[in-house]
PDB file of N, CA and C in Angstrom:
ATOM      1  N   MET A   1     138.328 -10.688-174.676  1.00  0.00           N
ATOM      2  CA  MET A   1     137.494 -11.582-174.081  1.00  0.00           C
ATOM      3  C   MET A   1     137.742 -13.133-174.304  1.00  0.00           C
ATOM      4  N   ALA A   2     137.570 -13.903-173.445  1.00  0.00           N
ATOM      5  CA  ALA A   2     137.911 -15.365-173.452  1.00  0.00           C
ATOM      6  C   ALA A   2     136.929 -15.891-174.551  1.00  0.00           C
ATOM      7  N   SER A   3     135.628 -15.632-174.488  1.00  0.00           N
ATOM      8  CA  SER A   3     134.646 -16.022-175.385  1.00  0.00           C
ATOM      9  C   SER A   3     134.919 -15.890-176.945  1.00  0.00           C
ATOM     10  N   ASN A   4     135.539 -14.621-177.141  1.00  0.00           N
ATOM     11  CA  ASN A   4     135.977 -14.211-178.578  1.00  0.00           C
ATOM     12  C   ASN A   4     137.100 -15.225-178.882  1.00  0.00           C
ATOM     13  N   LYS A   5     138.121 -15.234-178.062  1.00  0.00           N
ATOM     14  CA  LYS A   5     139.273 -15.978-178.421  1.00  0.00           C
ATOM     15  C   LYS A   5     139.031 -17.480-178.746  1.00  0.00           C
ATOM     16  N   ARG A   6     137.948 -18.080-178.139  1.00  0.00           N
ATOM     17  CA  ARG A   6     137.464 -19.431-178.322  1.00  0.00           C
ATOM     18  C   ARG A   6     137.079 -19.625-179.793  1.00  0.00           C
ATOM     19  N   VAL A   7     136.372 -18.334-180.265  1.00  0.00           N
ATOM     20  CA  VAL A   7     135.818 -18.595-181.695  1.00  0.00           C
ATOM     21  C   VAL A   7     136.876 -17.924-182.825  1.00  0.00           C
ATOM     22  N   GLY A   8     137.999 -17.570-182.415  1.00  0.00           N
ATOM     23  CA  GLY A   8     138.827 -17.004-183.222  1.00  0.00           C
ATOM     24  C   GLY A   8     138.992 -15.630-183.474  1.00  0.00           C
ATOM     25  N   ILE A   9     138.369 -14.773-182.726  1.00  0.00           N
ATOM     26  CA  ILE A   9     138.269 -13.418-182.811  1.00  0.00           C
ATOM     27  C   ILE A   9     139.211 -12.748-181.814  1.00  0.00           C
ATOM     28  N   ASN A  10     140.235 -12.291-182.391  1.00  0.00           N
ATOM     29  CA  ASN A  10     141.430 -11.694-181.694  1.00  0.00           C
ATOM     30  C   ASN A  10     141.864 -10.114-182.116  1.00  0.00           C
ATOM     31  N   ILE A  11     140.986  -9.363-181.764  1.00  0.00           N
ATOM     32  CA  ILE A  11     141.061  -7.927-182.121  1.00  0.00           C
ATOM     33  C   ILE A  11     141.504  -7.000-180.962  1.00  0.00           C
ATOM     34  N   THR A  12     142.363  -6.276-181.127  1.00  0.00           N
ATOM     35  CA  THR A  12     142.819  -5.330-180.083  1.00  0.00           C
ATOM     36  C   THR A  12     141.895  -4.073-180.136  1.00  0.00           C
ATOM     37  N   GLN A  13     141.615  -3.457-179.116  1.00  0.00           N
ATOM     38  CA  GLN A  13     140.916  -2.382-179.029  1.00  0.00           C
ATOM     39  C   GLN A  13     141.376  -1.168-179.950  1.00  0.00           C
ATOM     40  N   PRO A  14     140.613  -0.725-181.062  1.00  0.00           N
ATOM     41  CA  PRO A  14     141.255   0.404-181.742  1.00  0.00           C
ATOM     42  C   PRO A  14     141.443   1.579-180.971  1.00  0.00           C
ATOM     43  N   LYS A  15     142.551   2.254-181.491  1.00  0.00           N
ATOM     44  CA  LYS A  15     142.978   3.584-180.781  1.00  0.00           C
ATOM     45  C   LYS A  15     142.710   4.759-181.830  1.00  0.00           C
ATOM     46  N   THR A  16     142.619   4.600-182.757  1.00  0.00           N
ATOM     47  CA  THR A  16     142.394   5.560-183.867  1.00  0.00           C
ATOM     48  C   THR A  16     141.052   5.362-184.537  1.00  0.00           C
ATOM     49  N   ALA A  17     140.633   6.283-185.345  1.00  0.00           N
ATOM     50  CA  ALA A  17     139.482   6.430-185.976  1.00  0.00           C
ATOM     51  C   ALA A  17     139.711   5.135-187.270  1.00  0.00           C
ATOM     52  N   ALA A  18     140.960   5.373-187.941  1.00  0.00           N
ATOM     53  CA  ALA A  18     141.120   4.411-189.012  1.00  0.00           C
ATOM     54  C   ALA A  18     141.232   2.923-188.617  1.00  0.00           C
ATOM     55  N   GLU A  19     141.906   2.544-187.391  1.00  0.00           N
ATOM     56  CA  GLU A  19     141.821   1.285-186.806  1.00  0.00           C
ATOM     57  C   GLU A  19     140.335   0.939-186.593  1.00  0.00           C
ATOM     58  N   ARG A  20     139.497   1.754-186.164  1.00  0.00           N
ATOM     59  CA  ARG A  20     138.169   1.255-185.786  1.00  0.00           C
ATOM     60  C   ARG A  20     137.430   0.947-187.071  1.00  0.00           C
ATOM     61  N   THR A  21     137.734   1.843-188.138  1.00  0.00           N
ATOM     62  CA  THR A  21     136.963   1.681-189.534  1.00  0.00           C
ATOM     63  C   THR A  21     137.556   0.436-190.059  1.00  0.00           C
ATOM     64  N   SER A  22     138.684   0.015-189.757  1.00  0.00           N
ATOM     65  CA  SER A  22     139.299  -1.235-190.337  1.00  0.00           C
ATOM     66  C   SER A  22     138.698  -2.503-189.748  1.00  0.00           C
ATOM     67  N   VAL A  23     138.432  -2.433-188.376  1.00  0.00           N
ATOM     68  CA  VAL A  23     137.877  -3.468-187.762  1.00  0.00           C
ATOM     69  C   VAL A  23     136.305  -3.522-188.143  1.00  0.00           C
ATOM     70  N   ALA A  24     135.660  -2.444-188.430  1.00  0.00           N
ATOM     71  CA  ALA A  24     134.261  -2.559-188.829  1.00  0.00           C
ATOM     72  C   ALA A  24     134.145  -3.220-190.084  1.00  0.00           C
ATOM     73  N   ILE A  25     135.246  -2.914-191.090  1.00  0.00           N
ATOM     74  CA  ILE A  25     135.203  -3.583-192.476  1.00  0.00           C
ATOM     75  C   ILE A  25     135.330  -4.962-192.352  1.00  0.00           C
ATOM     76  N   GLN A  26     136.452  -5.308-191.429  1.00  0.00           N
ATOM     77  CA  GLN A  26     136.443  -6.647-191.223  1.00  0.00           C
ATOM     78  C   GLN A  26     135.270  -7.432-190.609  1.00  0.00           C
ATOM     79  N   CYS A  27     134.534  -6.950-189.721  1.00  0.00           N
ATOM     80  CA  CYS A  27     133.314  -7.425-189.239  1.00  0.00           C
ATOM     81  C   CYS A  27     132.340  -7.509-190.339  1.00  0.00           C
ATOM     82  N   ASN A  28     132.096  -6.615-191.089  1.00  0.00           N
ATOM     83  CA  ASN A  28     131.141  -6.398-192.258  1.00  0.00           C
ATOM     84  C   ASN A  28     131.475  -7.609-193.320  1.00  0.00           C
ATOM     85  N   ASP A  29     132.760  -7.699-193.773  1.00  0.00           N
ATOM     86  CA  ASP A  29     133.086  -8.838-194.601  1.00  0.00           C
ATOM     87  C   ASP A  29     132.948 -10.153-193.888  1.00  0.00           C
ATOM     88  N   SER A  30     133.473 -10.326-192.880  1.00  0.00           N
ATOM     89  CA  SER A  30     133.154 -11.661-192.040  1.00  0.00           C
ATOM     90  C   SER A  30     131.754 -12.055-191.993  1.00  0.00           C
ATOM     91  N   LEU A  31     130.905 -11.123-191.668  1.00  0.00           N
ATOM     92  CA  LEU A  31     129.467 -11.555-191.625  1.00  0.00           C
ATOM     93  C   LEU A  31     128.560 -11.481-192.791  1.00  0.00           C
ATOM     94  N   LYS A  32     129.349 -11.013-193.976  1.00  0.00           N
ATOM     95  CA  LYS A  32     128.647 -10.830-195.160  1.00  0.00           C
ATOM     96  C   LYS A  32     127.366  -9.968-195.171  1.00  0.00           C
ATOM     97  N   MET A  33     127.490  -8.752-194.299  1.00  0.00           N
ATOM     98  CA  MET A  33     126.424  -8.022-194.226  1.00  0.00           C
ATOM     99  C   MET A  33     126.038  -7.087-195.445  1.00  0.00           C
ATOM    100  N   SER A  34     124.663  -7.031-195.666  1.00  0.00           N
ATOM    101  CA  SER A  34     124.211  -6.328-196.725  1.00  0.00           C
ATOM    102  C   SER A  34     123.522  -4.979-196.357  1.00  0.00           C
ATOM    103  N   LEU A  35     123.606  -4.524-195.092  1.00  0.00           N
ATOM    104  CA  LEU A  35     123.136  -3.426-194.603  1.00  0.00           C
ATOM    105  C   LEU A  35     124.187  -2.232-194.624  1.00  0.00           C
ATOM    106  N   PRO A  36     123.876  -1.126-194.842  1.00  0.00           N
ATOM    107  CA  PRO A  36     124.857  -0.024-194.429  1.00  0.00           C
ATOM    108  C   PRO A  36     125.476  -0.035-193.182  1.00  0.00           C
ATOM    109  N   MET A  37     126.640   0.218-192.908  1.00  0.00           N
ATOM    110  CA  MET A  37     127.269   0.373-191.756  1.00  0.00           C
ATOM    111  C   MET A  37     127.875   1.634-191.451  1.00  0.00           C
ATOM    112  N   LEU A  38     127.630   2.078-190.347  1.00  0.00           N
ATOM    113  CA  LEU A  38     128.234   3.402-189.834  1.00  0.00           C
ATOM    114  C   LEU A  38     129.097   3.222-188.768  1.00  0.00           C
ATOM    115  N   VAL A  39     130.262   3.901-188.531  1.00  0.00           N
ATOM    116  CA  VAL A  39     131.097   3.628-187.362  1.00  0.00           C
ATOM    117  C   VAL A  39     131.150   4.861-186.584  1.00  0.00           C
ATOM    118  N   ASP A  40     131.000   4.700-185.442  1.00  0.00           N
ATOM    119  CA  ASP A  40     131.142   5.672-184.337  1.00  0.00           C
ATOM    120  C   ASP A  40     132.560   6.364-184.298  1.00  0.00           C
ATOM    121  N   GLY A  41     132.721   7.515-184.056  1.00  0.00           N
ATOM    122  CA  GLY A  41     134.105   8.043-183.801  1.00  0.00           C
ATOM    123  C   GLY A  41     134.791   7.403-182.616  1.00  0.00           C
ATOM    124  N   ILE A  42     135.965   7.579-182.611  1.00  0.00           N
ATOM    125  CA  ILE A  42     136.756   7.101-181.541  1.00  0.00           C
ATOM    126  C   ILE A  42     136.566   7.519-180.295  1.00  0.00           C
ATOM    127  N   ASP A  43     135.932   8.638-180.126  1.00  0.00           N
ATOM    128  CA  ASP A  43     135.303   9.406-178.800  1.00  0.00           C
ATOM    129  C   ASP A  43     134.094   8.667-178.342  1.00  0.00           C
ATOM    130  N   ASP A  44     133.444   7.773-179.190  1.00  0.00           N
ATOM    131  CA  ASP A  44     132.176   7.092-178.839  1.00  0.00           C
ATOM    132  C   ASP A  44     130.998   7.992-178.504  1.00  0.00           C
ATOM    133  N   ALA A  45     130.997   9.145-179.283  1.00  0.00           N
ATOM    134  CA  ALA A  45     129.949  10.092-178.979  1.00  0.00           C
ATOM    135  C   ALA A  45     128.595   9.573-179.218  1.00  0.00           C
ATOM    136  N   VAL A  46     128.346   8.826-180.328  1.00  0.00           N
ATOM    137  CA  VAL A  46     126.982   8.266-180.584  1.00  0.00           C
ATOM    138  C   VAL A  46     126.612   7.143-179.785  1.00  0.00           C
ATOM    139  N   GLY A  47     127.487   6.229-179.408  1.00  0.00           N
ATOM    140  CA  GLY A  47     127.414   5.292-178.489  1.00  0.00           C
ATOM    141  C   GLY A  47     126.877   5.821-177.075  1.00  0.00           C
ATOM    142  N   ARG A  48     127.430   6.872-176.478  1.00  0.00           N
ATOM    143  CA  ARG A  48     127.116   7.548-175.336  1.00  0.00           C
ATOM    144  C   ARG A  48     125.766   8.159-175.345  1.00  0.00           C
ATOM    145  N   GLU A  49     125.536   8.771-176.611  1.00  0.00           N
ATOM    146  CA  GLU A  49     124.327   9.449-176.686  1.00  0.00           C
ATOM    147  C   GLU A  49     123.107   8.559-176.770  1.00  0.00           C
ATOM    148  N   TYR A  50     123.217   7.309-177.437  1.00  0.00           N
ATOM    149  CA  TYR A  50     122.174   6.252-177.540  1.00  0.00           C
ATOM    150  C   TYR A  50     122.277   5.224-176.572  1.00  0.00           C
ATOM    151  N   SER A  51     123.203   5.244-175.597  1.00  0.00           N
ATOM    152  CA  SER A  51     123.264   4.237-174.474  1.00  0.00           C
ATOM    153  C   SER A  51     123.378   2.945-175.156  1.00  0.00           C
ATOM    154  N   GLY A  52     124.206   2.745-176.347  1.00  0.00           N
ATOM    155  CA  GLY A  52     124.303   1.552-177.045  1.00  0.00           C
ATOM    156  C   GLY A  52     125.033   0.454-176.456  1.00  0.00           C
ATOM    157  N   PHE A  53     125.749   0.555-175.342  1.00  0.00           N
ATOM    158  CA  PHE A  53     126.680  -0.480-175.012  1.00  0.00           C
ATOM    159  C   PHE A  53     125.858  -1.385-173.922  1.00  0.00           C
ATOM    160  N   PRO A  54     125.975  -2.686-174.002  1.00  0.00           N
ATOM    161  CA  PRO A  54     126.708  -3.585-174.902  1.00  0.00           C
ATOM    162  C   PRO A  54     126.053  -3.632-176.374  1.00  0.00           C
ATOM    163  N   GLU A  55     124.996  -3.507-176.326  1.00  0.00           N
ATOM    164  CA  GLU A  55     124.125  -3.590-177.799  1.00  0.00           C
ATOM    165  C   GLU A  55     122.724  -3.129-177.516  1.00  0.00           C
ATOM    166  N   ARG A  56     122.185  -2.406-178.502  1.00  0.00           N
ATOM    167  CA  ARG A  56     120.931  -1.775-178.521  1.00  0.00           C
ATOM    168  C   ARG A  56     120.317  -1.645-179.791  1.00  0.00           C
ATOM    169  N   LEU A  57     119.199  -2.028-180.162  1.00  0.00           N
ATOM    170  CA  LEU A  57     118.699  -1.920-181.617  1.00  0.00           C
ATOM    171  C   LEU A  57     117.785  -0.580-181.549  1.00  0.00           C
ATOM    172  N   TYR A  58     117.930   0.184-182.679  1.00  0.00           N
ATOM    173  CA  TYR A  58     117.327   1.354-182.906  1.00  0.00           C
ATOM    174  C   TYR A  58     116.825   1.386-184.351  1.00  0.00           C
ATOM    175  N   LEU A  59     115.586   2.013-184.575  1.00  0.00           N
ATOM    176  CA  LEU A  59     115.109   2.145-185.910  1.00  0.00           C
ATOM    177  C   LEU A  59     114.797   3.724-186.028  1.00  0.00           C
ATOM    178  N   ILE A  60     115.603   4.167-187.131  1.00  0.00           N
ATOM    179  CA  ILE A  60     115.431   5.743-187.391  1.00  0.00           C
ATOM    180  C   ILE A  60     114.591   5.850-188.682  1.00  0.00           C
ATOM    181  N   ASP A  61     113.488   6.610-188.565  1.00  0.00           N
ATOM    182  CA  ASP A  61     112.658   6.923-189.498  1.00  0.00           C
ATOM    183  C   ASP A  61     113.283   7.757-190.604  1.00  0.00           C
ATOM    184  N   ARG A  62     112.533   7.957-191.853  1.00  0.00           N
ATOM    185  CA  ARG A  62     113.096   8.819-192.951  1.00  0.00           C
ATOM    186  C   ARG A  62     113.415  10.122-192.631  1.00  0.00           C
ATOM    187  N   GLU A  63     112.599  10.687-191.396  1.00  0.00           N
ATOM    188  CA  GLU A  63     112.922  12.132-191.101  1.00  0.00           C
ATOM    189  C   GLU A  63     113.966  12.160-190.074  1.00  0.00           C
ATOM    190  N   GLY A  64     114.702  11.073-189.769  1.00  0.00           N
ATOM    191  CA  GLY A  64     115.686  11.106-188.752  1.00  0.00           C
ATOM    192  C   GLY A  64     115.187  10.980-187.292  1.00  0.00           C
ATOM    193  N   ARG A  65     113.957  10.639-186.986  1.00  0.00           N
ATOM    194  CA  ARG A  65     113.547  10.505-185.630  1.00  0.00           C
ATOM    195  C   ARG A  65     113.617   8.918-185.287  1.00  0.00           C
ATOM    196  N   VAL A  66     113.724   8.661-184.000  1.00  0.00           N
ATOM    197  CA  VAL A  66     113.943   7.466-183.278  1.00  0.00           C
ATOM    198  C   VAL A  66     112.382   6.933-183.402  1.00  0.00           C
ATOM    199  N   ALA A  67     112.329   5.770-184.259  1.00  0.00           N
ATOM    200  CA  ALA A  67     110.815   5.152-184.425  1.00  0.00           C
ATOM    201  C   ALA A  67     110.909   3.852-183.348  1.00  0.00           C
ATOM    202  N   TYR A  68     111.954   3.454-183.151  1.00  0.00           N
ATOM    203  CA  TYR A  68     112.026   2.296-182.178  1.00  0.00           C
ATOM    204  C   TYR A  68     113.390   2.151-181.473  1.00  0.00           C
ATOM    205  N   LYS A  69     113.221   2.151-180.117  1.00  0.00           N
ATOM    206  CA  LYS A  69     114.422   2.010-179.269  1.00  0.00           C
ATOM    207  C   LYS A  69     114.232   0.713-178.612  1.00  0.00           C
ATOM    208  N   GLY A  70     115.175  -0.276-178.874  1.00  0.00           N
ATOM    209  CA  GLY A  70     115.152  -1.618-178.033  1.00  0.00           C
ATOM    210  C   GLY A  70     115.766  -1.449-176.615  1.00  0.00           C
ATOM    211  N   GLY A  71     115.639  -2.497-175.811  1.00  0.00           N
ATOM    212  CA  GLY A  71     116.260  -2.496-174.427  1.00  0.00           C
ATOM    213  C   GLY A  71     117.750  -2.667-174.708  1.00  0.00           C
ATOM    214  N   ARG A  72     118.483  -2.517-173.637  1.00  0.00           N
ATOM    215  CA  ARG A  72     120.007  -2.934-173.614  1.00  0.00           C
ATOM    216  C   ARG A  72     120.087  -4.286-173.779  1.00  0.00           C
ATOM    217  N   GLY A  73     121.058  -4.857-174.414  1.00  0.00           N
ATOM    218  CA  GLY A  73     121.430  -6.096-174.449  1.00  0.00           C
ATOM    219  C   GLY A  73     122.209  -6.685-173.261  1.00  0.00           C
ATOM    220  N   PRO A  74     122.403  -7.896-173.222  1.00  0.00           N
ATOM    221  CA  PRO A  74     121.854  -8.854-174.140  1.00  0.00           C
ATOM    222  C   PRO A  74     120.287  -9.185-173.756  1.00  0.00           C
ATOM    223  N   TYR A  75     119.947  -8.954-172.685  1.00  0.00           N
ATOM    224  CA  TYR A  75     118.417  -9.466-172.388  1.00  0.00           C
ATOM    225  C   TYR A  75     117.370  -8.410-173.063  1.00  0.00           C
ATOM    226  N   GLY A  76     117.655  -7.265-173.286  1.00  0.00           N
ATOM    227  CA  GLY A  76     116.631  -6.199-173.865  1.00  0.00           C
ATOM    228  C   GLY A  76     116.858  -6.370-175.467  1.00  0.00           C
ATOM    229  N   TYR A  77     117.734  -7.132-175.917  1.00  0.00           N
ATOM    230  CA  TYR A  77     118.025  -7.269-177.429  1.00  0.00           C
ATOM    231  C   TYR A  77     116.859  -8.130-178.016  1.00  0.00           C
ATOM    232  N   LYS A  78     115.907  -7.514-178.728  1.00  0.00           N
ATOM    233  CA  LYS A  78     114.800  -8.282-179.215  1.00  0.00           C
ATOM    234  C   LYS A  78     114.660  -8.003-180.671  1.00  0.00           C
ATOM    235  N   PRO A  79     115.327  -8.702-181.696  1.00  0.00           N
ATOM    236  CA  PRO A  79     115.190  -8.425-182.944  1.00  0.00           C
ATOM    237  C   PRO A  79     113.827  -8.550-183.666  1.00  0.00           C
ATOM    238  N   ARG A  80     113.059  -9.315-183.099  1.00  0.00           N
ATOM    239  CA  ARG A  80     111.637  -9.490-183.388  1.00  0.00           C
ATOM    240  C   ARG A  80     110.800  -8.328-183.388  1.00  0.00           C
ATOM    241  N   GLU A  81     110.954  -7.604-182.123  1.00  0.00           N
ATOM    242  CA  GLU A  81     110.411  -6.366-181.818  1.00  0.00           C
ATOM    243  C   GLU A  81     110.823  -5.307-182.832  1.00  0.00           C
ATOM    244  N   LEU A  82     112.114  -5.255-183.150  1.00  0.00           N
ATOM    245  CA  LEU A  82     112.531  -4.350-184.217  1.00  0.00           C
ATOM    246  C   LEU A  82     111.796  -4.644-185.452  1.00  0.00           C
ATOM    247  N   GLU A  83     111.797  -5.886-185.982  1.00  0.00           N
ATOM    248  CA  GLU A  83     111.136  -6.486-187.182  1.00  0.00           C
ATOM    249  C   GLU A  83     109.632  -5.824-187.187  1.00  0.00           C
ATOM    250  N   GLN A  84     109.003  -5.946-186.103  1.00  0.00           N
ATOM    251  CA  GLN A  84     107.618  -5.536-186.040  1.00  0.00           C
ATOM    252  C   GLN A  84     107.410  -4.013-186.206  1.00  0.00           C
ATOM    253  N   ALA A  85     108.312  -3.263-185.349  1.00  0.00           N
ATOM    254  CA  ALA A  85     108.410  -1.918-185.682  1.00  0.00           C
ATOM    255  C   ALA A  85     108.605  -1.466-186.842  1.00  0.00           C
ATOM    256  N   LEU A  86     109.590  -2.138-187.787  1.00  0.00           N
ATOM    257  CA  LEU A  86     109.859  -2.013-188.946  1.00  0.00           C
ATOM    258  C   LEU A  86     108.555  -2.015-190.060  1.00  0.00           C
ATOM    259  N   ILE A  87     107.983  -3.019-189.878  1.00  0.00           N
ATOM    260  CA  ILE A  87     106.798  -3.479-190.629  1.00  0.00           C
ATOM    261  C   ILE A  87     105.801  -2.384-190.329  1.00  0.00           C
ATOM    262  N   MET A  88     105.510  -2.011-189.097  1.00  0.00           N
ATOM    263  CA  MET A  88     104.410  -1.124-188.733  1.00  0.00           C
ATOM    264  C   MET A  88     104.980   0.271-189.396  1.00  0.00           C
ATOM    265  N   LEU A  89     106.064   0.792-189.312  1.00  0.00           N
ATOM    266  CA  LEU A  89     106.753   1.944-189.970  1.00  0.00           C
ATOM    267  C   LEU A  89     106.547   1.884-191.595  1.00  0.00           C
ATOM    268  N   LEU A  90     106.795   0.962-192.178  1.00  0.00           N
ATOM    269  CA  LEU A  90     106.578   0.707-193.611  1.00  0.00           C
ATOM    270  C   LEU A  90     105.076   0.761-193.979  1.00  0.00           C
ATOM    271  N   LEU A  91     104.202   0.013-193.179  1.00  0.00           N
ATOM    272  CA  LEU A  91     102.772   0.005-193.345  1.00  0.00           C
ATOM    273  C   LEU A  91     102.280   1.455-193.252  1.00  0.00           C
ATOM    274  N   ASP A  92     102.647   2.195-192.253  1.00  0.00           N
ATOM    275  CA  ASP A  92     102.283   3.654-191.933  1.00  0.00           C
ATOM    276  C   ASP A  92     102.667   4.433-193.088  1.00  0.00           C
ATOM    277  N   GLU A  93     103.830   4.261-193.676  1.00  0.00           N
ATOM    278  CA  GLU A  93     104.432   5.140-194.707  1.00  0.00           C
ATOM    279  C   GLU A  93     103.569   4.780-196.089  1.00  0.00           C
ATOM    280  N   ALA A  94     103.421   3.342-196.313  1.00  0.00           N
ATOM    281  CA  ALA A  94     102.649   3.031-197.562  1.00  0.00           C
ATOM    282  C   ALA A  94     101.177   3.693-197.371  1.00  0.00           C
ATOM    283  N   GLN A  95     100.569   3.559-196.280  1.00  0.00           N
ATOM    284  CA  GLN A  95      99.133   4.065-196.040  1.00  0.00           C
ATOM    285  C   GLN A  95      99.104   5.554-196.304  1.00  0.00           C
ATOM    286  N   SER A  96     100.077   6.346-195.850  1.00  0.00           N
ATOM    287  CA  SER A  96     100.130   7.856-196.077  1.00  0.00           C
ATOM    288  C   SER A  96     100.463   8.189-197.488  1.00  0.00           C
ATOM    289  N   LYS A  97     100.888   7.373-198.283  1.00  0.00           N
ATOM    290  CA  LYS A  97     101.136   7.597-199.685  1.00  0.00           C
ATOM    291  C   LYS A  97      99.982   7.221-200.603  1.00  0.00           C
ATOM    292  N   MET A  98      99.002   6.538-199.999  1.00  0.00           N
ATOM    293  CA  MET A  98      97.868   6.122-200.790  1.00  0.00           C
ATOM    294  C   MET A  98      97.013   7.307-201.063  1.00  0.00           C
ATOM    295  N   PRO A  99      96.411   7.381-202.283  1.00  0.00           N
ATOM    296  CA  PRO A  99      95.470   8.515-202.513  1.00  0.00           C
ATOM    297  C   PRO A  99      94.131   8.241-201.804  1.00  0.00           C
ATOM    298  N   THR A 100      93.555   9.379-201.217  1.00  0.00           N
ATOM    299  CA  THR A 100      92.366   9.247-200.624  1.00  0.00           C
ATOM    300  C   THR A 100      91.220   9.238-201.490  1.00  0.00           C
ATOM    301  N   THR A 101      90.449   8.506-201.261  1.00  0.00           N
ATOM    302  CA  THR A 101      89.151   8.431-202.282  1.00  0.00           C
ATOM    303  C   THR A 101      88.111   9.216-201.627  1.00  0.00           C
ATOM    304  N   SER A 102      87.604  10.075-202.684  1.00  0.00           N
ATOM    305  CA  SER A 102      86.406  10.875-202.402  1.00  0.00           C
ATOM    306  C   SER A 102      85.101  10.110-202.346  1.00  0.00           C
ATOM    307  N   GLU A 103      84.212  10.219-201.391  1.00  0.00           N
ATOM    308  CA  GLU A 103      83.041   9.372-201.477  1.00  0.00           C
ATOM    309  C   GLU A 103      82.183  10.136-202.443  1.00  0.00           C
ATOM    310  N   PRO A 104      81.120   9.554-202.986  1.00  0.00           N
ATOM    311  CA  PRO A 104      80.241  10.169-203.790  1.00  0.00           C
ATOM    312  C   PRO A 104      79.325  11.065-202.936  1.00  0.00           C
ATOM    313  N   SER A 105      79.138  12.276-203.395  1.00  0.00           N
ATOM    314  CA  SER A 105      78.164  13.095-202.615  1.00  0.00           C
ATOM    315  C   SER A 105      76.655  12.663-202.574  1.00  0.00           C
ATOM    316  N   THR A 106      75.985  12.409-201.288  1.00  0.00           N
ATOM    317  CA  THR A 106      74.572  12.172-201.641  1.00  0.00           C
ATOM    318  C   THR A 106      73.804  13.490-201.203  1.00  0.00           C
ATOM    319  N   LYS A 107      74.423  14.637-201.160  1.00  0.00           N
ATOM    320  CA  LYS A 107      73.862  15.853-200.905  1.00  0.00           C
ATOM    321  C   LYS A 107      73.004  16.438-202.103  1.00  0.00           C
ATOM    322  N   GLN A 108      71.876  16.777-202.084  1.00  0.00           N
ATOM    323  CA  GLN A 108      71.268  17.208-203.182  1.00  0.00           C
ATOM    324  C   GLN A 108      71.422  18.694-203.472  1.00  0.00           C
ATOM    325  N   PRO A 109      71.464  19.107-204.718  1.00  0.00           N
ATOM    326  CA  PRO A 109      71.574  20.584-204.912  1.00  0.00           C
ATOM    327  C   PRO A 109      70.507  21.518-204.262  1.00  0.00           C
ATOM    328  N   THR A 110      70.877  22.705-203.744  1.00  0.00           N
ATOM    329  CA  THR A 110      69.938  23.438-203.024  1.00  0.00           C
ATOM    330  C   THR A 110      69.583  24.461-203.713  1.00  0.00           C
ATOM    331  N   ASP A 111      70.224  24.938-204.806  1.00  0.00           N
ATOM    332  CA  ASP A 111      69.896  25.963-205.490  1.00  0.00           C
ATOM    333  C   ASP A 111      68.722  25.778-206.638  1.00  0.00           C
ATOM    334  N   LYS A 112      67.548  25.304-206.312  1.00  0.00           N
ATOM    335  CA  LYS A 112      66.548  25.018-207.416  1.00  0.00           C
ATOM    336  C   LYS A 112      65.800  26.256-207.904  1.00  0.00           C
ATOM    337  N   THR A 113      65.547  26.121-209.192  1.00  0.00           N
ATOM    338  CA  THR A 113      64.741  27.314-209.732  1.00  0.00           C
ATOM    339  C   THR A 113      63.333  26.600-209.727  1.00  0.00           C
ATOM    340  N   ILE A 114      62.419  27.569-209.043  1.00  0.00           N
ATOM    341  CA  ILE A 114      61.032  27.050-209.079  1.00  0.00           C
ATOM    342  C   ILE A 114      60.233  27.972-209.983  1.00  0.00           C
ATOM    343  N   GLU A 115      59.711  27.331-211.155  1.00  0.00           N
ATOM    344  CA  GLU A 115      58.819  28.029-212.081  1.00  0.00           C
ATOM    345  C   GLU A 115      57.500  28.303-211.585  1.00  0.00           C
ATOM    346  N   THR A 116      56.992  29.417-211.789  1.00  0.00           N
ATOM    347  CA  THR A 116      55.630  29.630-211.338  1.00  0.00           C
ATOM    348  C   THR A 116      54.933  30.095-212.567  1.00  0.00           C
ATOM    349  N   PRO A 117      53.580  29.887-212.669  1.00  0.00           N
ATOM    350  CA  PRO A 117      52.941  30.410-213.891  1.00  0.00           C
ATOM    351  C   PRO A 117      52.895  31.876-213.963  1.00  0.00           C
ATOM    352  N   ASN A 118      52.725  32.538-215.208  1.00  0.00           N
ATOM    353  CA  ASN A 118      52.815  33.921-215.214  1.00  0.00           C
ATOM    354  C   ASN A 118      51.289  34.239-214.728  1.00  0.00           C
ATOM    355  N   GLN A 119      51.282  35.197-214.052  1.00  0.00           N
ATOM    356  CA  GLN A 119      49.921  35.694-213.498  1.00  0.00           C
ATOM    357  C   GLN A 119      49.863  37.104-214.000  1.00  0.00           C
ATOM    358  N   GLU A 120      49.096  37.274-214.960  1.00  0.00           N
ATOM    359  CA  GLU A 120      48.983  38.664-215.563  1.00  0.00           C
ATOM    360  C   GLU A 120      47.483  39.151-215.409  1.00  0.00           C
TER     361      GLU A 120
END
C-alpha cells in the first residue's frame, strides 16, 4: 500500500505461518504493545470466522464468549465503545464476586409457649 510505504512500512504478504509470526513480532516490537498477541493461521480461519477484515474489535469474556463485537473498520472501529464494554464487564464480574449481605429478620418467632395456670 502506498500509505504504508510513505511511513516506511514495507512488508511483503507472508506466505507461511513462520513469516506471519515474524511480522507479528515485528509489529508488536515496533508498537511496544503490552497486550498478548495471537496470530491467525496462514489460512485466516479466525479472520473469516470473526469477519475481522480490515479491522474489528472484539472483547472475549473469561468463559470464552464474545462480550463485545465492534463494527467493521475503519468507520465501525470505536475503541471508546470497547473501553466502555470492558469497564462494564469488569464491574459485573466484581459485583458477582461480592458477598451478599443477609438482611436482619423482622419476622417474629411463631412457636411461643403459652403458660396457663394449673386448674385442678
